[in-house]
Amino acid sequence: KRNEFDCGKELLNNYLKFQAGQDIKRKLSVCFVMLDKHSQNIQGYYTL
């Protein structure tokens, strides 16, 4: 659920919501998300 993610930084929120998937498809990066154990909501992310 990318649209529910909000870290307080618009640039980082927008990257996850709109750009990360495109970068993965183009094999430019991989993105890992940390999920809340109970709600499965994204709590944070990092890319390589």
ModelCIF file with pLDDT and N, C-alpha, C, O atoms, coordinates in Angstrom:
data_MODEL
#
_entry.id   MODEL 
#
_entity.id                         1 
_entity.type                       polymer 
_entity.pdbx_number_of_molecules   1 
#
_entity_poly.entity_id                      1 
_entity_poly.type                           'polypeptide(L)' 
_entity_poly.nstd_linkage                   no 
_entity_poly.nstd_monomer                   no 
_entity_poly.pdbx_seq_one_letter_code       KRNEFDCGKELLNNYLKFQAGQDIKRKLSVCFVMLDKHSQNIQGYYTL 
_entity_poly.pdbx_seq_one_letter_code_can   KRNEFDCGKELLNNYLKFQAGQDIKRKLSVCFVMLDKHSQNIQGYYTL 
_entity_poly.pdbx_strand_id                 A 
#
loop_
_entity_poly_seq.entity_id 
_entity_poly_seq.num 
_entity_poly_seq.mon_id 
_entity_poly_seq.hetero 
1 1  LYS n 
1 2  ARG n 
1 3  ASN n 
1 4  GLU n 
1 5  PHE n 
1 6  ASP n 
1 7  CYS n 
1 8  GLY n 
1 9  LYS n 
1 10 GLU n 
1 11 LEU n 
1 12 LEU n 
1 13 ASN n 
1 14 ASN n 
1 15 TYR n 
1 16 LEU n 
1 17 LYS n 
1 18 PHE n 
1 19 GLN n 
1 20 ALA n 
1 21 GLY n 
1 22 GLN n 
1 23 ASP n 
1 24 ILE n 
1 25 LYS n 
1 26 ARG n 
1 27 LYS n 
1 28 LEU n 
1 29 SER n 
1 30 VAL n 
1 31 CYS n 
1 32 PHE n 
1 33 VAL n 
1 34 MET n 
1 35 LEU n 
1 36 ASP n 
1 37 LYS n 
1 38 HIS n 
1 39 SER n 
1 40 GLN n 
1 41 ASN n 
1 42 ILE n 
1 43 GLN n 
1 44 GLY n 
1 45 TYR n 
1 46 TYR n 
1 47 THR n 
1 48 LEU n 
#
_struct_asym.id          A 
_struct_asym.entity_id   1 
#
loop_
_ma_qa_metric.id 
_ma_qa_metric.mode 
_ma_qa_metric.name 
_ma_qa_metric.software_group_id 
_ma_qa_metric.type 
1 global pLDDT . pLDDT 
2 local  pLDDT . pLDDT 
#
_ma_qa_metric_global.metric_id      1 
_ma_qa_metric_global.metric_value   95.08 
_ma_qa_metric_global.model_id       1 
_ma_qa_metric_global.ordinal_id     1 
#
loop_
_ma_qa_metric_local.label_asym_id 
_ma_qa_metric_local.label_comp_id 
_ma_qa_metric_local.label_seq_id 
_ma_qa_metric_local.metric_id 
_ma_qa_metric_local.metric_value 
_ma_qa_metric_local.model_id 
_ma_qa_metric_local.ordinal_id 
A LYS 1  2 93.00 1 1  
A ARG 2  2 95.00 1 2  
A ASN 3  2 93.00 1 3  
A GLU 4  2 92.00 1 4  
A PHE 5  2 95.00 1 5  
A ASP 6  2 96.00 1 6  
A CYS 7  2 96.00 1 7  
A GLY 8  2 96.00 1 8  
A LYS 9  2 97.00 1 9  
A GLU 10 2 97.00 1 10 
A LEU 11 2 97.00 1 11 
A LEU 12 2 97.00 1 12 
A ASN 13 2 97.00 1 13 
A ASN 14 2 97.00 1 14 
A TYR 15 2 97.00 1 15 
A LEU 16 2 97.00 1 16 
A LYS 17 2 96.00 1 17 
A PHE 18 2 96.00 1 18 
A GLN 19 2 96.00 1 19 
A ALA 20 2 96.00 1 20 
A GLY 21 2 95.00 1 21 
A GLN 22 2 95.00 1 22 
A ASP 23 2 94.00 1 23 
A ILE 24 2 94.00 1 24 
A LYS 25 2 94.00 1 25 
A ARG 26 2 93.00 1 26 
A LYS 27 2 91.00 1 27 
A LEU 28 2 91.00 1 28 
A SER 29 2 93.00 1 29 
A VAL 30 2 96.00 1 30 
A CYS 31 2 97.00 1 31 
A PHE 32 2 98.00 1 32 
A VAL 33 2 98.00 1 33 
A MET 34 2 97.00 1 34 
A LEU 35 2 96.00 1 35 
A ASP 36 2 94.00 1 36 
A LYS 37 2 91.00 1 37 
A HIS 38 2 91.00 1 38 
A SER 39 2 90.00 1 39 
A GLN 40 2 91.00 1 40 
A ASN 41 2 94.00 1 41 
A ILE 42 2 97.00 1 42 
A GLN 43 2 97.00 1 43 
A GLY 44 2 97.00 1 44 
A TYR 45 2 97.00 1 45 
A TYR 46 2 97.00 1 46 
A THR 47 2 96.00 1 47 
A LEU 48 2 94.00 1 48 
#
loop_
_atom_site.group_PDB 
_atom_site.id 
_atom_site.type_symbol 
_atom_site.label_atom_id 
_atom_site.label_alt_id 
_atom_site.label_comp_id 
_atom_site.label_asym_id 
_atom_site.label_entity_id 
_atom_site.label_seq_id 
_atom_site.pdbx_PDB_ins_code 
_atom_site.Cartn_x 
_atom_site.Cartn_y 
_atom_site.Cartn_z 
_atom_site.occupancy 
_atom_site.B_iso_or_equiv 
_atom_site.pdbx_formal_charge 
_atom_site.auth_seq_id 
_atom_site.auth_comp_id 
_atom_site.auth_asym_id 
_atom_site.auth_atom_id 
_atom_site.pdbx_PDB_model_num 
ATOM 1   N N  . LYS A 1 1  ? 0.836  -1.204 0.000   1.00 93.00 ? 1  LYS A N  1 
ATOM 2   C CA . LYS A 1 1  ? 0.000  0.000  0.000   1.00 93.00 ? 1  LYS A CA 1 
ATOM 3   C C  . LYS A 1 1  ? 0.874  1.258  0.000   1.00 93.00 ? 1  LYS A C  1 
ATOM 4   O O  . LYS A 1 1  ? 1.078  1.879  1.043   1.00 93.00 ? 1  LYS A O  1 
ATOM 5   N N  . ARG A 1 2  ? 1.378  1.621  -1.162  1.00 95.00 ? 2  ARG A N  1 
ATOM 6   C CA . ARG A 1 2  ? 2.293  2.766  -1.264  1.00 95.00 ? 2  ARG A CA 1 
ATOM 7   C C  . ARG A 1 2  ? 1.604  4.092  -0.980  1.00 95.00 ? 2  ARG A C  1 
ATOM 8   O O  . ARG A 1 2  ? 2.217  4.989  -0.400  1.00 95.00 ? 2  ARG A O  1 
ATOM 9   N N  . ASN A 1 3  ? 0.356  4.234  -1.372  1.00 93.00 ? 3  ASN A N  1 
ATOM 10  C CA . ASN A 1 3  ? -0.345 5.516  -1.214  1.00 93.00 ? 3  ASN A CA 1 
ATOM 11  C C  . ASN A 1 3  ? -0.579 5.899  0.236   1.00 93.00 ? 3  ASN A C  1 
ATOM 12  O O  . ASN A 1 3  ? -0.825 7.067  0.535   1.00 93.00 ? 3  ASN A O  1 
ATOM 13  N N  . GLU A 1 4  ? -0.505 4.935  1.138   1.00 92.00 ? 4  GLU A N  1 
ATOM 14  C CA . GLU A 1 4  ? -0.714 5.220  2.554   1.00 92.00 ? 4  GLU A CA 1 
ATOM 15  C C  . GLU A 1 4  ? 0.580  5.616  3.261   1.00 92.00 ? 4  GLU A C  1 
ATOM 16  O O  . GLU A 1 4  ? 0.541  6.033  4.419   1.00 92.00 ? 4  GLU A O  1 
ATOM 17  N N  . PHE A 1 5  ? 1.720  5.493  2.593   1.00 95.00 ? 5  PHE A N  1 
ATOM 18  C CA . PHE A 1 5  ? 3.006  5.800  3.205   1.00 95.00 ? 5  PHE A CA 1 
ATOM 19  C C  . PHE A 1 5  ? 3.199  7.310  3.319   1.00 95.00 ? 5  PHE A C  1 
ATOM 20  O O  . PHE A 1 5  ? 2.942  8.046  2.367   1.00 95.00 ? 5  PHE A O  1 
ATOM 21  N N  . ASP A 1 6  ? 3.649  7.765  4.479   1.00 96.00 ? 6  ASP A N  1 
ATOM 22  C CA . ASP A 1 6  ? 3.973  9.182  4.677   1.00 96.00 ? 6  ASP A CA 1 
ATOM 23  C C  . ASP A 1 6  ? 5.064  9.296  5.735   1.00 96.00 ? 6  ASP A C  1 
ATOM 24  O O  . ASP A 1 6  ? 4.831  9.056  6.920   1.00 96.00 ? 6  ASP A O  1 
ATOM 25  N N  . CYS A 1 7  ? 6.261  9.668  5.279   1.00 96.00 ? 7  CYS A N  1 
ATOM 26  C CA . CYS A 1 7  ? 7.387  9.820  6.210   1.00 96.00 ? 7  CYS A CA 1 
ATOM 27  C C  . CYS A 1 7  ? 7.590  11.274 6.613   1.00 96.00 ? 7  CYS A C  1 
ATOM 28  O O  . CYS A 1 7  ? 8.484  11.588 7.399   1.00 96.00 ? 7  CYS A O  1 
ATOM 29  N N  . GLY A 1 8  ? 6.747  12.169 6.065   1.00 96.00 ? 8  GLY A N  1 
ATOM 30  C CA . GLY A 1 8  ? 6.886  13.582 6.372   1.00 96.00 ? 8  GLY A CA 1 
ATOM 31  C C  . GLY A 1 8  ? 7.724  14.342 5.360   1.00 96.00 ? 8  GLY A C  1 
ATOM 32  O O  . GLY A 1 8  ? 7.828  15.566 5.438   1.00 96.00 ? 8  GLY A O  1 
ATOM 33  N N  . LYS A 1 9  ? 8.320  13.639 4.416   1.00 97.00 ? 9  LYS A N  1 
ATOM 34  C CA . LYS A 1 9  ? 9.135  14.261 3.368   1.00 97.00 ? 9  LYS A CA 1 
ATOM 35  C C  . LYS A 1 9  ? 8.476  13.967 2.020   1.00 97.00 ? 9  LYS A C  1 
ATOM 36  O O  . LYS A 1 9  ? 8.480  12.827 1.555   1.00 97.00 ? 9  LYS A O  1 
ATOM 37  N N  . GLU A 1 10 ? 7.914  15.000 1.401   1.00 97.00 ? 10 GLU A N  1 
ATOM 38  C CA . GLU A 1 10 ? 7.154  14.826 0.159   1.00 97.00 ? 10 GLU A CA 1 
ATOM 39  C C  . GLU A 1 10 ? 7.981  14.165 -0.942  1.00 97.00 ? 10 GLU A C  1 
ATOM 40  O O  . GLU A 1 10 ? 7.471  13.317 -1.675  1.00 97.00 ? 10 GLU A O  1 
ATOM 41  N N  . LEU A 1 11 ? 9.242  14.544 -1.063  1.00 97.00 ? 11 LEU A N  1 
ATOM 42  C CA . LEU A 1 11 ? 10.107 13.981 -2.097  1.00 97.00 ? 11 LEU A CA 1 
ATOM 43  C C  . LEU A 1 11 ? 10.250 12.459 -1.927  1.00 97.00 ? 11 LEU A C  1 
ATOM 44  O O  . LEU A 1 11 ? 10.167 11.712 -2.902  1.00 97.00 ? 11 LEU A O  1 
ATOM 45  N N  . LEU A 1 12 ? 10.464 12.011 -0.688  1.00 97.00 ? 12 LEU A N  1 
ATOM 46  C CA . LEU A 1 12 ? 10.608 10.578 -0.429  1.00 97.00 ? 12 LEU A CA 1 
ATOM 47  C C  . LEU A 1 12 ? 9.279  9.841  -0.600  1.00 97.00 ? 12 LEU A C  1 
ATOM 48  O O  . LEU A 1 12 ? 9.247  8.727  -1.121  1.00 97.00 ? 12 LEU A O  1 
ATOM 49  N N  . ASN A 1 13 ? 8.190  10.460 -0.164  1.00 97.00 ? 13 ASN A N  1 
ATOM 50  C CA . ASN A 1 13 ? 6.865  9.856  -0.355  1.00 97.00 ? 13 ASN A CA 1 
ATOM 51  C C  . ASN A 1 13 ? 6.588  9.655  -1.846  1.00 97.00 ? 13 ASN A C  1 
ATOM 52  O O  . ASN A 1 13 ? 6.161  8.582  -2.270  1.00 97.00 ? 13 ASN A O  1 
ATOM 53  N N  . ASN A 1 14 ? 6.838  10.702 -2.629  1.00 97.00 ? 14 ASN A N  1 
ATOM 54  C CA . ASN A 1 14 ? 6.564  10.639 -4.064  1.00 97.00 ? 14 ASN A CA 1 
ATOM 55  C C  . ASN A 1 14 ? 7.439  9.626  -4.777  1.00 97.00 ? 14 ASN A C  1 
ATOM 56  O O  . ASN A 1 14 ? 6.986  8.971  -5.717  1.00 97.00 ? 14 ASN A O  1 
ATOM 57  N N  . TYR A 1 15 ? 8.688  9.485  -4.345  1.00 97.00 ? 15 TYR A N  1 
ATOM 58  C CA . TYR A 1 15 ? 9.553  8.481  -4.970  1.00 97.00 ? 15 TYR A CA 1 
ATOM 59  C C  . TYR A 1 15 ? 8.944  7.091  -4.801  1.00 97.00 ? 15 TYR A C  1 
ATOM 60  O O  . TYR A 1 15 ? 8.844  6.328  -5.762  1.00 97.00 ? 15 TYR A O  1 
ATOM 61  N N  . LEU A 1 16 ? 8.545  6.772  -3.594  1.00 97.00 ? 16 LEU A N  1 
ATOM 62  C CA . LEU A 1 16 ? 7.976  5.447  -3.353  1.00 97.00 ? 16 LEU A CA 1 
ATOM 63  C C  . LEU A 1 16 ? 6.671  5.259  -4.118  1.00 97.00 ? 16 LEU A C  1 
ATOM 64  O O  . LEU A 1 16 ? 6.431  4.196  -4.692  1.00 97.00 ? 16 LEU A O  1 
ATOM 65  N N  . LYS A 1 17 ? 5.842  6.274  -4.126  1.00 96.00 ? 17 LYS A N  1 
ATOM 66  C CA . LYS A 1 17 ? 4.513  6.160  -4.747  1.00 96.00 ? 17 LYS A CA 1 
ATOM 67  C C  . LYS A 1 17 ? 4.568  6.130  -6.269  1.00 96.00 ? 17 LYS A C  1 
ATOM 68  O O  . LYS A 1 17 ? 3.792  5.408  -6.896  1.00 96.00 ? 17 LYS A O  1 
ATOM 69  N N  . PHE A 1 18 ? 5.475  6.903  -6.880  1.00 96.00 ? 18 PHE A N  1 
ATOM 70  C CA . PHE A 1 18 ? 5.424  7.087  -8.330  1.00 96.00 ? 18 PHE A CA 1 
ATOM 71  C C  . PHE A 1 18 ? 6.650  6.598  -9.099  1.00 96.00 ? 18 PHE A C  1 
ATOM 72  O O  . PHE A 1 18 ? 6.514  6.217  -10.262 1.00 96.00 ? 18 PHE A O  1 
ATOM 73  N N  . GLN A 1 19 ? 7.824  6.593  -8.506  1.00 96.00 ? 19 GLN A N  1 
ATOM 74  C CA . GLN A 1 19 ? 9.044  6.324  -9.260  1.00 96.00 ? 19 GLN A CA 1 
ATOM 75  C C  . GLN A 1 19 ? 9.683  4.976  -8.971  1.00 96.00 ? 19 GLN A C  1 
ATOM 76  O O  . GLN A 1 19 ? 10.276 4.383  -9.872  1.00 96.00 ? 19 GLN A O  1 
ATOM 77  N N  . ALA A 1 20 ? 9.585  4.476  -7.761  1.00 96.00 ? 20 ALA A N  1 
ATOM 78  C CA . ALA A 1 20 ? 10.288 3.244  -7.380  1.00 96.00 ? 20 ALA A CA 1 
ATOM 79  C C  . ALA A 1 20 ? 9.921  2.072  -8.286  1.00 96.00 ? 20 ALA A C  1 
ATOM 80  O O  . ALA A 1 20 ? 10.802 1.332  -8.724  1.00 96.00 ? 20 ALA A O  1 
ATOM 81  N N  . GLY A 1 21 ? 8.643  1.898  -8.568  1.00 95.00 ? 21 GLY A N  1 
ATOM 82  C CA . GLY A 1 21 ? 8.206  0.795  -9.426  1.00 95.00 ? 21 GLY A CA 1 
ATOM 83  C C  . GLY A 1 21 ? 8.788  0.887  -10.824 1.00 95.00 ? 21 GLY A C  1 
ATOM 84  O O  . GLY A 1 21 ? 9.159  -0.132 -11.408 1.00 95.00 ? 21 GLY A O  1 
ATOM 85  N N  . GLN A 1 22 ? 8.872  2.089  -11.368 1.00 95.00 ? 22 GLN A N  1 
ATOM 86  C CA . GLN A 1 22 ? 9.451  2.277  -12.703 1.00 95.00 ? 22 GLN A CA 1 
ATOM 87  C C  . GLN A 1 22 ? 10.949 1.958  -12.704 1.00 95.00 ? 22 GLN A C  1 
ATOM 88  O O  . GLN A 1 22 ? 11.459 1.353  -13.647 1.00 95.00 ? 22 GLN A O  1 
ATOM 89  N N  . ASP A 1 23 ? 11.649 2.369  -11.643 1.00 94.00 ? 23 ASP A N  1 
ATOM 90  C CA . ASP A 1 23 ? 13.079 2.079  -11.544 1.00 94.00 ? 23 ASP A CA 1 
ATOM 91  C C  . ASP A 1 23 ? 13.321 0.579  -11.446 1.00 94.00 ? 23 ASP A C  1 
ATOM 92  O O  . ASP A 1 23 ? 14.290 0.072  -12.012 1.00 94.00 ? 23 ASP A O  1 
ATOM 93  N N  . ILE A 1 24 ? 12.459 -0.132 -10.739 1.00 94.00 ? 24 ILE A N  1 
ATOM 94  C CA . ILE A 1 24 ? 12.582 -1.582 -10.625 1.00 94.00 ? 24 ILE A CA 1 
ATOM 95  C C  . ILE A 1 24 ? 12.368 -2.235 -11.987 1.00 94.00 ? 24 ILE A C  1 
ATOM 96  O O  . ILE A 1 24 ? 13.144 -3.104 -12.385 1.00 94.00 ? 24 ILE A O  1 
ATOM 97  N N  . LYS A 1 25 ? 11.331 -1.829 -12.698 1.00 94.00 ? 25 LYS A N  1 
ATOM 98  C CA . LYS A 1 25 ? 11.045 -2.399 -14.023 1.00 94.00 ? 25 LYS A CA 1 
ATOM 99  C C  . LYS A 1 25 ? 12.199 -2.184 -14.991 1.00 94.00 ? 25 LYS A C  1 
ATOM 100 O O  . LYS A 1 25 ? 12.496 -3.050 -15.813 1.00 94.00 ? 25 LYS A O  1 
ATOM 101 N N  . ARG A 1 26 ? 12.852 -1.023 -14.894 1.00 93.00 ? 26 ARG A N  1 
ATOM 102 C CA . ARG A 1 26 ? 13.977 -0.709 -15.787 1.00 93.00 ? 26 ARG A CA 1 
ATOM 103 C C  . ARG A 1 26 ? 15.295 -1.263 -15.257 1.00 93.00 ? 26 ARG A C  1 
ATOM 104 O O  . ARG A 1 26 ? 16.352 -1.032 -15.845 1.00 93.00 ? 26 ARG A O  1 
ATOM 105 N N  . LYS A 1 27 ? 15.231 -1.999 -14.140 1.00 91.00 ? 27 LYS A N  1 
ATOM 106 C CA . LYS A 1 27 ? 16.402 -2.627 -13.507 1.00 91.00 ? 27 LYS A CA 1 
ATOM 107 C C  . LYS A 1 27 ? 17.475 -1.601 -13.125 1.00 91.00 ? 27 LYS A C  1 
ATOM 108 O O  . LYS A 1 27 ? 18.673 -1.868 -13.216 1.00 91.00 ? 27 LYS A O  1 
ATOM 109 N N  . LEU A 1 28 ? 17.012 -0.425 -12.696 1.00 91.00 ? 28 LEU A N  1 
ATOM 110 C CA . LEU A 1 28 ? 17.930 0.610  -12.225 1.00 91.00 ? 28 LEU A CA 1 
ATOM 111 C C  . LEU A 1 28 ? 18.177 0.498  -10.729 1.00 91.00 ? 28 LEU A C  1 
ATOM 112 O O  . LEU A 1 28 ? 19.199 0.963  -10.226 1.00 91.00 ? 28 LEU A O  1 
ATOM 113 N N  . SER A 1 29 ? 17.230 -0.124 -10.016 1.00 93.00 ? 29 SER A N  1 
ATOM 114 C CA . SER A 1 29 ? 17.371 -0.270 -8.568  1.00 93.00 ? 29 SER A CA 1 
ATOM 115 C C  . SER A 1 29 ? 16.429 -1.362 -8.074  1.00 93.00 ? 29 SER A C  1 
ATOM 116 O O  . SER A 1 29 ? 15.569 -1.857 -8.804  1.00 93.00 ? 29 SER A O  1 
ATOM 117 N N  . VAL A 1 30 ? 16.623 -1.712 -6.822  1.00 96.00 ? 30 VAL A N  1 
ATOM 118 C CA . VAL A 1 30 ? 15.664 -2.555 -6.105  1.00 96.00 ? 30 VAL A CA 1 
ATOM 119 C C  . VAL A 1 30 ? 15.226 -1.771 -4.883  1.00 96.00 ? 30 VAL A C  1 
ATOM 120 O O  . VAL A 1 30 ? 15.989 -0.966 -4.347  1.00 96.00 ? 30 VAL A O  1 
ATOM 121 N N  . CYS A 1 31 ? 14.018 -2.000 -4.448  1.00 97.00 ? 31 CYS A N  1 
ATOM 122 C CA . CYS A 1 31 ? 13.478 -1.260 -3.314  1.00 97.00 ? 31 CYS A CA 1 
ATOM 123 C C  . CYS A 1 31 ? 12.957 -2.252 -2.285  1.00 97.00 ? 31 CYS A C  1 
ATOM 124 O O  . CYS A 1 31 ? 12.179 -3.150 -2.606  1.00 97.00 ? 31 CYS A O  1 
ATOM 125 N N  . PHE A 1 32 ? 13.392 -2.078 -1.054  1.00 98.00 ? 32 PHE A N  1 
ATOM 126 C CA . PHE A 1 32 ? 12.940 -2.908 0.056   1.00 98.00 ? 32 PHE A CA 1 
ATOM 127 C C  . PHE A 1 32 ? 12.045 -2.068 0.953   1.00 98.00 ? 32 PHE A C  1 
ATOM 128 O O  . PHE A 1 32 ? 12.329 -0.895 1.197   1.00 98.00 ? 32 PHE A O  1 
ATOM 129 N N  . VAL A 1 33 ? 10.968 -2.662 1.443   1.00 98.00 ? 33 VAL A N  1 
ATOM 130 C CA . VAL A 1 33 ? 10.066 -1.966 2.351   1.00 98.00 ? 33 VAL A CA 1 
ATOM 131 C C  . VAL A 1 33 ? 10.022 -2.692 3.689   1.00 98.00 ? 33 VAL A C  1 
ATOM 132 O O  . VAL A 1 33 ? 10.083 -3.920 3.749   1.00 98.00 ? 33 VAL A O  1 
ATOM 133 N N  . MET A 1 34 ? 9.914  -1.912 4.757   1.00 97.00 ? 34 MET A N  1 
ATOM 134 C CA . MET A 1 34 ? 9.736  -2.465 6.090   1.00 97.00 ? 34 MET A CA 1 
ATOM 135 C C  . MET A 1 34 ? 8.256  -2.340 6.425   1.00 97.00 ? 34 MET A C  1 
ATOM 136 O O  . MET A 1 34 ? 7.686  -1.250 6.367   1.00 97.00 ? 34 MET A O  1 
ATOM 137 N N  . LEU A 1 35 ? 7.643  -3.457 6.774   1.00 96.00 ? 35 LEU A N  1 
ATOM 138 C CA . LEU A 1 35 ? 6.211  -3.498 7.018   1.00 96.00 ? 35 LEU A CA 1 
ATOM 139 C C  . LEU A 1 35 ? 5.899  -3.632 8.495   1.00 96.00 ? 35 LEU A C  1 
ATOM 140 O O  . LEU A 1 35 ? 6.626  -4.291 9.238   1.00 96.00 ? 35 LEU A O  1 
ATOM 141 N N  . ASP A 1 36 ? 4.814  -3.003 8.913   1.00 94.00 ? 36 ASP A N  1 
ATOM 142 C CA . ASP A 1 36 ? 4.282  -3.201 10.253  1.00 94.00 ? 36 ASP A CA 1 
ATOM 143 C C  . ASP A 1 36 ? 3.794  -4.648 10.344  1.00 94.00 ? 36 ASP A C  1 
ATOM 144 O O  . ASP A 1 36 ? 3.103  -5.135 9.449   1.00 94.00 ? 36 ASP A O  1 
ATOM 145 N N  . LYS A 1 37 ? 4.150  -5.312 11.404  1.00 91.00 ? 37 LYS A N  1 
ATOM 146 C CA . LYS A 1 37 ? 3.837  -6.731 11.556  1.00 91.00 ? 37 LYS A CA 1 
ATOM 147 C C  . LYS A 1 37 ? 2.336  -7.004 11.515  1.00 91.00 ? 37 LYS A C  1 
ATOM 148 O O  . LYS A 1 37 ? 1.911  -8.033 10.990  1.00 91.00 ? 37 LYS A O  1 
ATOM 149 N N  . HIS A 1 38 ? 1.536  -6.105 12.056  1.00 91.00 ? 38 HIS A N  1 
ATOM 150 C CA . HIS A 1 38 ? 0.101  -6.362 12.185  1.00 91.00 ? 38 HIS A CA 1 
ATOM 151 C C  . HIS A 1 38 ? -0.706 -5.789 11.026  1.00 91.00 ? 38 HIS A C  1 
ATOM 152 O O  . HIS A 1 38 ? -1.566 -6.476 10.475  1.00 91.00 ? 38 HIS A O  1 
ATOM 153 N N  . SER A 1 39 ? -0.443 -4.551 10.652  1.00 90.00 ? 39 SER A N  1 
ATOM 154 C CA . SER A 1 39 ? -1.267 -3.895 9.633   1.00 90.00 ? 39 SER A CA 1 
ATOM 155 C C  . SER A 1 39 ? -0.724 -4.096 8.214   1.00 90.00 ? 39 SER A C  1 
ATOM 156 O O  . SER A 1 39 ? -1.437 -3.864 7.238   1.00 90.00 ? 39 SER A O  1 
ATOM 157 N N  . GLN A 1 40 ? 0.533  -4.525 8.099   1.00 91.00 ? 40 GLN A N  1 
ATOM 158 C CA . GLN A 1 40 ? 1.204  -4.681 6.807   1.00 91.00 ? 40 GLN A CA 1 
ATOM 159 C C  . GLN A 1 40 ? 1.402  -3.339 6.078   1.00 91.00 ? 40 GLN A C  1 
ATOM 160 O O  . GLN A 1 40 ? 1.685  -3.329 4.879   1.00 91.00 ? 40 GLN A O  1 
ATOM 161 N N  . ASN A 1 41 ? 1.258  -2.215 6.783   1.00 94.00 ? 41 ASN A N  1 
ATOM 162 C CA . ASN A 1 41 ? 1.525  -0.898 6.204   1.00 94.00 ? 41 ASN A CA 1 
ATOM 163 C C  . ASN A 1 41 ? 3.031  -0.673 6.120   1.00 94.00 ? 41 ASN A C  1 
ATOM 164 O O  . ASN A 1 41 ? 3.790  -1.166 6.955   1.00 94.00 ? 41 ASN A O  1 
ATOM 165 N N  . ILE A 1 42 ? 3.453  0.073  5.108   1.00 97.00 ? 42 ILE A N  1 
ATOM 166 C CA . ILE A 1 42 ? 4.869  0.386  4.937   1.00 97.00 ? 42 ILE A CA 1 
ATOM 167 C C  . ILE A 1 42 ? 5.289  1.383  6.011   1.00 97.00 ? 42 ILE A C  1 
ATOM 168 O O  . ILE A 1 42 ? 4.676  2.439  6.166   1.00 97.00 ? 42 ILE A O  1 
ATOM 169 N N  . GLN A 1 43 ? 6.337  1.038  6.749   1.00 97.00 ? 43 GLN A N  1 
ATOM 170 C CA . GLN A 1 43 ? 6.861  1.904  7.802   1.00 97.00 ? 43 GLN A CA 1 
ATOM 171 C C  . GLN A 1 43 ? 8.101  2.659  7.339   1.00 97.00 ? 43 GLN A C  1 
ATOM 172 O O  . GLN A 1 43 ? 8.432  3.709  7.889   1.00 97.00 ? 43 GLN A O  1 
ATOM 173 N N  . GLY A 1 44 ? 8.785  2.129  6.333   1.00 97.00 ? 44 GLY A N  1 
ATOM 174 C CA . GLY A 1 44 ? 9.986  2.754  5.792   1.00 97.00 ? 44 GLY A CA 1 
ATOM 175 C C  . GLY A 1 44 ? 10.451 1.975  4.578   1.00 97.00 ? 44 GLY A C  1 
ATOM 176 O O  . GLY A 1 44 ? 9.930  0.901  4.278   1.00 97.00 ? 44 GLY A O  1 
ATOM 177 N N  . TYR A 1 45 ? 11.437 2.525  3.881   1.00 97.00 ? 45 TYR A N  1 
ATOM 178 C CA . TYR A 1 45 ? 11.970 1.825  2.720   1.00 97.00 ? 45 TYR A CA 1 
ATOM 179 C C  . TYR A 1 45 ? 13.407 2.241  2.462   1.00 97.00 ? 45 TYR A C  1 
ATOM 180 O O  . TYR A 1 45 ? 13.866 3.270  2.959   1.00 97.00 ? 45 TYR A O  1 
ATOM 181 N N  . TYR A 1 46 ? 14.111 1.436  1.683   1.00 97.00 ? 46 TYR A N  1 
ATOM 182 C CA . TYR A 1 46 ? 15.426 1.820  1.190   1.00 97.00 ? 46 TYR A CA 1 
ATOM 183 C C  . TYR A 1 46 ? 15.622 1.204  -0.190  1.00 97.00 ? 46 TYR A C  1 
ATOM 184 O O  . TYR A 1 46 ? 15.005 0.193  -0.526  1.00 97.00 ? 46 TYR A O  1 
ATOM 185 N N  . THR A 1 47 ? 16.473 1.816  -0.969  1.00 96.00 ? 47 THR A N  1 
ATOM 186 C CA . THR A 1 47 ? 16.738 1.326  -2.318  1.00 96.00 ? 47 THR A CA 1 
ATOM 187 C C  . THR A 1 47 ? 18.228 1.050  -2.477  1.00 96.00 ? 47 THR A C  1 
ATOM 188 O O  . THR A 1 47 ? 19.075 1.657  -1.821  1.00 96.00 ? 47 THR A O  1 
ATOM 189 N N  . LEU A 1 48 ? 18.509 0.123  -3.364  1.00 94.00 ? 48 LEU A N  1 
ATOM 190 C CA . LEU A 1 48 ? 19.881 -0.163 -3.774  1.00 94.00 ? 48 LEU A CA 1 
ATOM 191 C C  . LEU A 1 48 ? 19.930 0.061  -5.275  1.00 94.00 ? 48 LEU A C  1 
ATOM 192 O O  . LEU A 1 48 ? 20.982 -0.111 -5.891  1.00 94.00 ? 48 LEU A O  1 
#
